[in-house]
Protein backbone atom coordinates (compact mmCIF):
# COMPACT_ATOMS: atom_id res chain seq x y z
CA MET A 1 8.99 -98.60 14.13
CA THR A 2 5.73 -97.76 12.46
CA THR A 3 3.70 -100.46 10.83
CA CYS A 4 4.80 -99.12 7.43
CA GLU A 5 8.47 -99.27 8.44
CA THR A 6 7.92 -102.72 9.83
CA ALA A 7 6.42 -103.96 6.55
CA ALA A 8 9.42 -102.53 4.63
CA TYR A 9 11.74 -104.28 7.05
CA LEU A 10 9.97 -107.60 6.53
CA LYS A 11 10.09 -107.22 2.78
CA GLY A 12 13.84 -107.11 3.01
CA ILE A 13 14.47 -110.30 4.97
CA ASP A 14 13.90 -114.04 4.43
CA ARG A 15 13.94 -117.31 6.32
CA VAL A 16 11.84 -115.95 9.20
CA LEU A 17 10.93 -117.86 12.39
CA ILE A 18 7.99 -116.43 14.37
CA LEU A 19 7.75 -116.94 18.11
CA THR A 20 4.61 -116.98 20.18
CA HIS A 21 4.29 -116.69 24.00
CA ALA A 22 3.89 -119.44 26.61
CA ARG A 23 0.38 -120.77 27.15
CA PRO A 24 -0.58 -119.28 23.77
CA ASP A 25 -3.92 -117.59 23.30
CA GLY A 26 -5.80 -116.73 20.19
CA ASP A 27 -4.00 -113.38 19.64
CA THR A 28 -0.49 -114.67 19.63
CA VAL A 29 -1.33 -117.73 17.56
CA GLY A 30 -3.65 -115.95 15.09
CA SER A 31 -1.34 -112.98 14.66
CA ALA A 32 1.71 -115.20 14.05
CA ALA A 33 -0.14 -117.42 11.61
CA ALA A 34 -1.46 -114.50 9.64
CA LEU A 35 1.99 -112.89 9.46
CA CYS A 36 3.53 -116.21 8.42
CA GLN A 37 1.05 -116.68 5.60
CA ALA A 38 1.61 -113.06 4.39
CA LEU A 39 5.37 -113.63 4.25
CA ARG A 40 4.85 -116.90 2.29
CA ASP A 41 2.60 -115.07 -0.07
CA LEU A 42 5.57 -112.81 -0.78
CA GLY A 43 7.60 -115.87 -1.69
CA LYS A 44 9.58 -115.98 1.51
CA GLN A 45 10.37 -118.95 3.78
CA ALA A 46 8.51 -118.41 7.03
CA TYR A 47 7.58 -120.70 9.89
CA MET A 48 6.26 -120.58 13.45
CA LEU A 49 8.28 -122.19 16.16
CA PRO A 50 6.21 -125.13 17.43
CA ASN A 51 4.69 -124.14 20.82
CA PRO A 52 4.49 -127.14 23.12
CA GLU A 53 1.78 -125.55 25.20
CA ILE A 54 -0.73 -124.89 22.40
CA THR A 55 -4.18 -126.30 23.12
CA ALA A 56 -6.65 -128.02 20.79
CA THR A 57 -8.60 -124.78 20.60
CA TYR A 58 -5.88 -122.94 18.63
CA ALA A 59 -3.77 -125.74 17.17
CA PRO A 60 -5.69 -125.83 13.86
CA TYR A 61 -4.68 -122.22 13.05
CA ALA A 62 -0.97 -122.88 13.68
CA ALA A 63 -0.71 -126.43 12.28
CA PRO A 64 0.14 -125.34 8.65
CA TYR A 65 3.01 -123.15 9.84
CA TRP A 66 5.05 -125.14 12.29
CA ALA A 67 8.76 -125.18 11.51
CA PRO A 68 10.12 -128.64 10.58
CA ASP A 69 12.82 -130.18 12.74
CA GLY A 70 16.29 -128.86 11.87
CA TRP A 71 15.13 -125.78 9.92
CA LYS A 72 17.43 -122.85 10.55
CA PRO A 73 16.13 -119.23 10.37
CA GLU A 74 18.03 -116.19 9.40
CA HIS A 75 15.72 -113.79 11.28
CA VAL A 76 13.49 -114.23 14.37
CA VAL A 77 10.27 -112.28 15.00
CA ALA A 78 8.23 -112.32 18.24
CA VAL A 79 4.51 -111.57 18.08
CA ASP A 80 2.35 -110.57 21.10
CA VAL A 81 5.28 -111.16 23.47
CA ALA A 82 5.85 -108.41 25.97
CA ASP A 83 8.85 -109.94 27.68
CA LYS A 84 11.35 -112.57 26.76
CA LYS A 85 10.54 -114.44 29.99
CA LEU A 86 7.10 -115.10 28.51
CA LEU A 87 8.54 -117.28 25.74
CA PRO A 88 8.01 -121.08 25.94
CA GLY A 89 11.01 -123.15 26.98
CA ASN A 90 11.87 -124.30 23.50
CA ALA A 91 12.30 -120.72 22.36
CA ALA A 92 15.31 -120.18 24.65
CA PRO A 93 17.88 -120.70 21.84
CA TYR A 94 16.28 -117.85 19.87
CA ALA A 95 15.63 -115.40 22.70
CA ALA A 96 18.83 -113.47 22.20
CA ALA A 97 18.40 -113.46 18.41
CA ILE A 98 15.01 -111.82 18.13
CA ASP A 99 15.35 -109.14 15.39
CA LEU A 100 11.80 -107.76 15.57
CA ALA A 101 9.00 -107.69 18.20
CA ILE A 102 5.46 -106.84 17.23
CA ASP A 103 3.23 -106.20 20.24
CA HIS A 104 0.39 -104.18 21.79
CA HIS A 105 1.25 -104.37 25.51
CA GLY A 106 2.05 -101.19 27.34
CA SER A 107 4.34 -103.26 29.58
CA HIS A 108 6.58 -104.26 26.66
CA ARG A 109 10.22 -104.58 27.65
CA PHE A 110 11.86 -103.62 24.36
CA PHE A 111 14.06 -106.70 24.16
CA ALA A 112 14.58 -106.56 20.41
CA PRO A 113 16.50 -104.06 18.28
CA ASN A 114 13.39 -103.37 16.25
CA VAL A 115 10.01 -102.96 17.92
CA CYS A 116 6.60 -102.28 16.37
CA LEU A 117 4.37 -101.41 19.37
CA ASP A 118 0.88 -100.00 19.51
CA ALA A 119 -0.27 -100.03 23.18
CA GLU A 120 -3.62 -98.57 22.07
CA ALA A 121 -4.43 -101.59 19.84
CA ALA A 122 -7.01 -103.98 21.17
CA ALA A 123 -4.98 -106.92 20.01
CA ALA A 124 -1.63 -107.70 18.39
CA GLY A 125 -3.83 -108.80 15.50
CA GLU A 126 -4.66 -105.17 14.80
CA VAL A 127 -0.97 -104.29 14.57
CA VAL A 128 -0.30 -107.24 12.36
CA TYR A 129 -3.32 -106.34 10.19
CA ASP A 130 -1.78 -102.90 9.50
CA ILE A 131 1.62 -104.44 8.70
CA ILE A 132 0.08 -106.99 6.27
CA ARG A 133 -1.96 -104.32 4.48
CA ASP A 134 1.44 -102.87 3.47
CA LEU A 135 2.87 -106.24 2.61
CA THR A 136 0.34 -108.08 0.47
CA THR A 137 -3.23 -108.76 -0.45
CA LEU A 138 -5.62 -109.72 2.31
CA THR A 139 -6.80 -113.28 1.59
CA PRO A 140 -9.01 -115.70 3.47
CA ALA A 141 -5.96 -117.61 4.64
CA ILE A 142 -4.71 -114.45 6.30
CA ALA A 143 -8.05 -113.03 7.35
CA LEU A 144 -9.22 -116.05 9.35
CA PRO A 145 -6.38 -116.21 11.87
CA LEU A 146 -6.41 -112.46 12.13
CA TYR A 147 -10.10 -112.59 12.99
CA VAL A 148 -9.32 -115.22 15.63
CA ALA A 149 -6.59 -112.98 17.07
CA ILE A 150 -8.77 -109.88 17.32
CA ALA A 151 -12.01 -111.63 18.36
CA THR A 152 -10.36 -113.54 21.17
CA ASP A 153 -8.51 -110.60 22.69
CA THR A 154 -11.71 -108.51 22.69
CA GLY A 155 -13.95 -111.29 24.09
CA CYS A 156 -15.80 -111.41 20.76
CA PHE A 157 -15.88 -107.59 20.65
CA VAL A 158 -17.35 -106.97 24.13
CA TYR A 159 -14.32 -106.08 26.26
CA ALA A 160 -13.55 -102.41 26.99
CA ASN A 161 -10.52 -102.47 24.66
CA THR A 162 -12.82 -102.86 21.67
CA THR A 163 -12.91 -99.63 19.56
CA ASP A 164 -14.46 -98.40 16.39
CA ARG A 165 -11.21 -99.22 14.66
CA THR A 166 -11.50 -102.81 15.95
CA HIS A 167 -14.93 -103.10 14.28
CA ARG A 168 -13.69 -101.59 11.07
CA ILE A 169 -10.86 -104.10 10.86
CA ALA A 170 -13.19 -106.94 11.73
CA ALA A 171 -15.65 -105.79 9.00
CA GLU A 172 -12.89 -105.92 6.40
CA LEU A 173 -11.82 -109.34 7.49
CA LEU A 174 -15.37 -110.60 7.31
CA SER A 175 -15.70 -109.16 3.80
CA VAL A 176 -13.20 -111.72 2.54
CA LEU A 177 -14.31 -114.66 4.67
CA ASP A 178 -17.15 -117.09 4.30
CA GLY A 179 -19.92 -116.26 6.72
CA ALA A 180 -20.57 -119.93 7.61
CA LYS A 181 -16.89 -120.45 8.43
CA VAL A 182 -16.89 -117.39 10.76
CA ALA A 183 -20.01 -118.63 12.45
CA SER A 184 -18.41 -121.98 13.17
CA VAL A 185 -15.30 -120.29 14.58
CA ASN A 186 -17.39 -118.10 16.84
CA LYS A 187 -19.32 -121.11 18.06
CA ALA A 188 -16.19 -123.00 18.83
CA LEU A 189 -14.41 -120.13 20.51
CA PHE A 190 -17.23 -118.36 22.42
CA ARG A 191 -20.30 -120.63 22.64
CA THR A 192 -18.97 -124.04 23.37
CA LYS A 193 -17.76 -125.37 26.75
CA SER A 194 -16.76 -128.84 27.76
CA ARG A 195 -18.44 -130.58 30.66
CA ALA A 196 -15.25 -130.35 32.62
CA ARG A 197 -15.03 -126.63 31.96
CA LEU A 198 -18.65 -126.11 33.15
CA ALA A 199 -17.97 -128.16 36.28
CA MET A 200 -14.82 -126.11 37.03
CA GLU A 201 -16.74 -122.84 36.68
CA SER A 202 -19.35 -124.09 39.08
CA ARG A 203 -16.74 -125.03 41.72
CA MET A 204 -14.91 -121.74 41.25
CA VAL A 205 -18.05 -119.76 41.75
CA ALA A 206 -19.04 -121.82 44.82
CA ASP A 207 -15.59 -121.25 46.43
CA MET A 208 -15.11 -117.54 45.36
CA GLU A 209 -14.05 -114.93 47.89
CA VAL A 210 -15.35 -111.38 47.85
CA TYR A 211 -13.53 -108.25 49.14
CA ASP A 212 -13.97 -104.45 49.21
CA ASP A 213 -17.76 -104.52 49.55
CA GLY A 214 -18.15 -106.94 46.67
CA ARG A 215 -16.05 -104.93 44.23
CA ILE A 216 -13.12 -107.47 44.19
CA VAL A 217 -13.79 -111.10 43.47
CA VAL A 218 -11.10 -113.78 43.85
CA MET A 219 -11.44 -117.23 42.26
CA LYS A 220 -9.02 -120.12 42.44
CA ILE A 221 -7.94 -122.97 40.18
CA PRO A 222 -5.82 -125.30 42.44
CA LEU A 223 -4.04 -128.23 40.86
CA SER A 224 -6.40 -130.49 42.81
CA LEU A 225 -9.44 -129.11 41.01
CA ARG A 226 -7.88 -129.74 37.56
CA THR A 227 -7.06 -133.26 38.61
CA GLU A 228 -10.51 -133.89 40.05
CA MET A 229 -12.28 -132.66 36.92
CA HIS A 230 -9.82 -134.38 34.50
CA ALA A 231 -9.47 -131.04 32.83
CA ALA A 232 -7.33 -130.46 29.79
CA GLU A 233 -5.47 -127.19 29.18
CA ALA A 234 -8.26 -126.19 26.75
CA ASP A 235 -10.81 -126.50 29.55
CA ILE A 236 -8.95 -123.85 31.57
CA GLU A 237 -8.56 -121.30 28.78
CA GLU A 238 -10.41 -118.02 29.48
CA LEU A 239 -11.40 -119.04 33.04
CA SER A 240 -9.49 -115.94 34.08
CA SER A 241 -12.38 -113.84 32.84
CA LEU A 242 -15.01 -115.54 35.07
CA ALA A 243 -14.41 -113.61 38.25
CA ALA A 244 -15.00 -110.29 36.57
CA LEU A 245 -18.51 -111.43 35.53
CA VAL A 246 -19.86 -111.31 39.11
CA GLU A 247 -22.51 -108.61 39.59
CA GLY A 248 -21.23 -105.60 41.56
CA SER A 249 -17.53 -106.35 40.96
CA ASP A 250 -15.07 -104.22 39.06
CA CYS A 251 -11.96 -106.32 39.67
CA GLY A 252 -11.81 -110.05 39.04
CA ILE A 253 -8.71 -111.96 40.23
CA THR A 254 -8.02 -115.59 39.28
CA LEU A 255 -5.28 -117.59 40.96
CA ARG A 256 -4.22 -120.61 38.91
CA GLN A 257 -1.72 -123.03 40.53
CA LEU A 258 0.78 -124.06 37.95
CA LYS A 259 2.96 -126.09 40.37
CA GLU A 260 2.86 -126.59 44.09
CA ASP A 261 4.89 -123.39 44.63
CA THR A 262 3.96 -121.46 41.52
CA VAL A 263 0.76 -119.43 40.94
CA LYS A 264 -0.34 -117.58 37.81
CA ILE A 265 -2.30 -114.45 38.73
CA SER A 266 -4.75 -112.93 36.24
CA VAL A 267 -6.48 -109.59 36.86
CA ARG A 268 -9.44 -108.26 34.95
CA SER A 269 -10.55 -104.78 36.00
CA GLY A 270 -12.66 -101.74 35.22
CA SER A 271 -11.51 -98.11 35.23
CA ARG A 272 -11.00 -97.93 39.03
CA ILE A 273 -8.08 -100.31 39.10
CA ASP A 274 -5.13 -100.47 36.66
CA ALA A 275 -4.57 -104.17 36.23
CA SER A 276 -1.24 -103.65 34.58
CA ALA A 277 0.03 -101.54 37.51
CA VAL A 278 -1.18 -104.21 39.93
CA CYS A 279 0.63 -106.99 38.08
CA ALA A 280 3.78 -104.86 37.53
CA ARG A 281 4.25 -104.94 41.32
CA LEU A 282 4.27 -108.74 41.08
CA GLY A 283 6.80 -108.88 38.23
CA GLY A 284 4.21 -109.08 35.44
CA GLY A 285 2.33 -106.73 33.24
CA GLY A 286 -0.25 -106.35 30.49
CA HIS A 287 -3.06 -103.88 29.91
CA LYS A 288 -4.98 -101.51 32.19
CA GLY A 289 -8.04 -103.78 31.96
CA ALA A 290 -6.35 -107.18 31.78
CA ALA A 291 -2.94 -108.26 33.06
CA GLY A 292 -1.09 -111.13 34.68
CA ALA A 293 1.86 -112.22 36.67
CA THR A 294 3.42 -115.45 37.86
CA VAL A 295 4.64 -115.64 41.48
CA GLU A 296 6.39 -118.18 43.69
CA GLY A 297 4.57 -119.40 46.73
CA SER A 298 1.27 -120.99 47.79
CA MET A 299 -2.20 -119.96 46.65
CA ASP A 300 -2.84 -118.12 49.91
CA GLU A 301 0.48 -116.27 49.62
CA ALA A 302 -0.35 -115.23 46.06
CA LYS A 303 -3.77 -114.01 47.14
CA VAL A 304 -2.24 -111.89 49.89
CA ALA A 305 0.32 -110.44 47.51
CA VAL A 306 -2.20 -109.48 44.77
CA LEU A 307 -4.64 -107.95 47.21
CA ARG A 308 -1.83 -105.96 48.69
CA ALA A 309 -0.81 -104.81 45.21
CA VAL A 310 -4.44 -103.78 44.41
CA ALA A 311 -4.59 -101.79 47.66
CA GLU A 312 -1.34 -99.97 46.80
CA VAL A 313 -2.52 -99.11 43.27
CA THR A 314 -5.85 -97.77 44.47
CA GLU A 315 -4.22 -95.76 47.25
CA GLU A 316 -2.05 -94.01 44.63
CA ARG A 317 -5.00 -92.74 42.59
């Protein structure tokens, strides 16, 4: 479906529940919140399904939209969700009832009967922005979470996925927002780190492993490190981008231990390596420059698996 067709579809439904993905980031939360507010502005009942994994960083943007206990939707919409297996546990009762999926991942699994997908968009927020422009007036209540969505998925407009269109959308959002408010959001999202976060970064850098003549950097977040640093979930957000900052590297791999036998793999890469292709070999997906997968096994086993996948992808080029 085009964004125009998606807007027309949304105009014709009511009692909408919006789903976000597990370990929600700014894009899924901001996009869902903006869409929820737009639907409410049209006089519709719309809520977001409470996400038990949301962190203090993004909770304020979702708080006004959480569905109350016992509320029953007539329609279910997933935003920034590429695969049903990426939904949080409490979304399971709705997984088979998703009417519409709005996404920007090239690895999208087309699990809903209606899909609005733009794999060239820098963020799901860009897709939702286009939909909302055909739905209702752009207000500060809509623009702020959309800004959060787009800014976070582009690393505050510095990642390679940032385009001239991204900047044009951001400019329009800023035109309806208070400058001081945006400055405080940017400070909180991009220029503030807890002591625990800084300590974790220091340890990750000290213990990093380098491969392929320095072009591949692997960093680890074992459960023991989180326990030692008394780190909250918010302290771990965006640590997956740290490995790619090392000079001389063009592929940063972060291994985060979720459980003793489960590891989340995050890959951030340049043009030489397709991160999505790497993670697809491990049962995950994402974008060419940023992708992820969750695998069973130890940290060392996960490292071997992802390095093997990188080698296979580079050999195919």
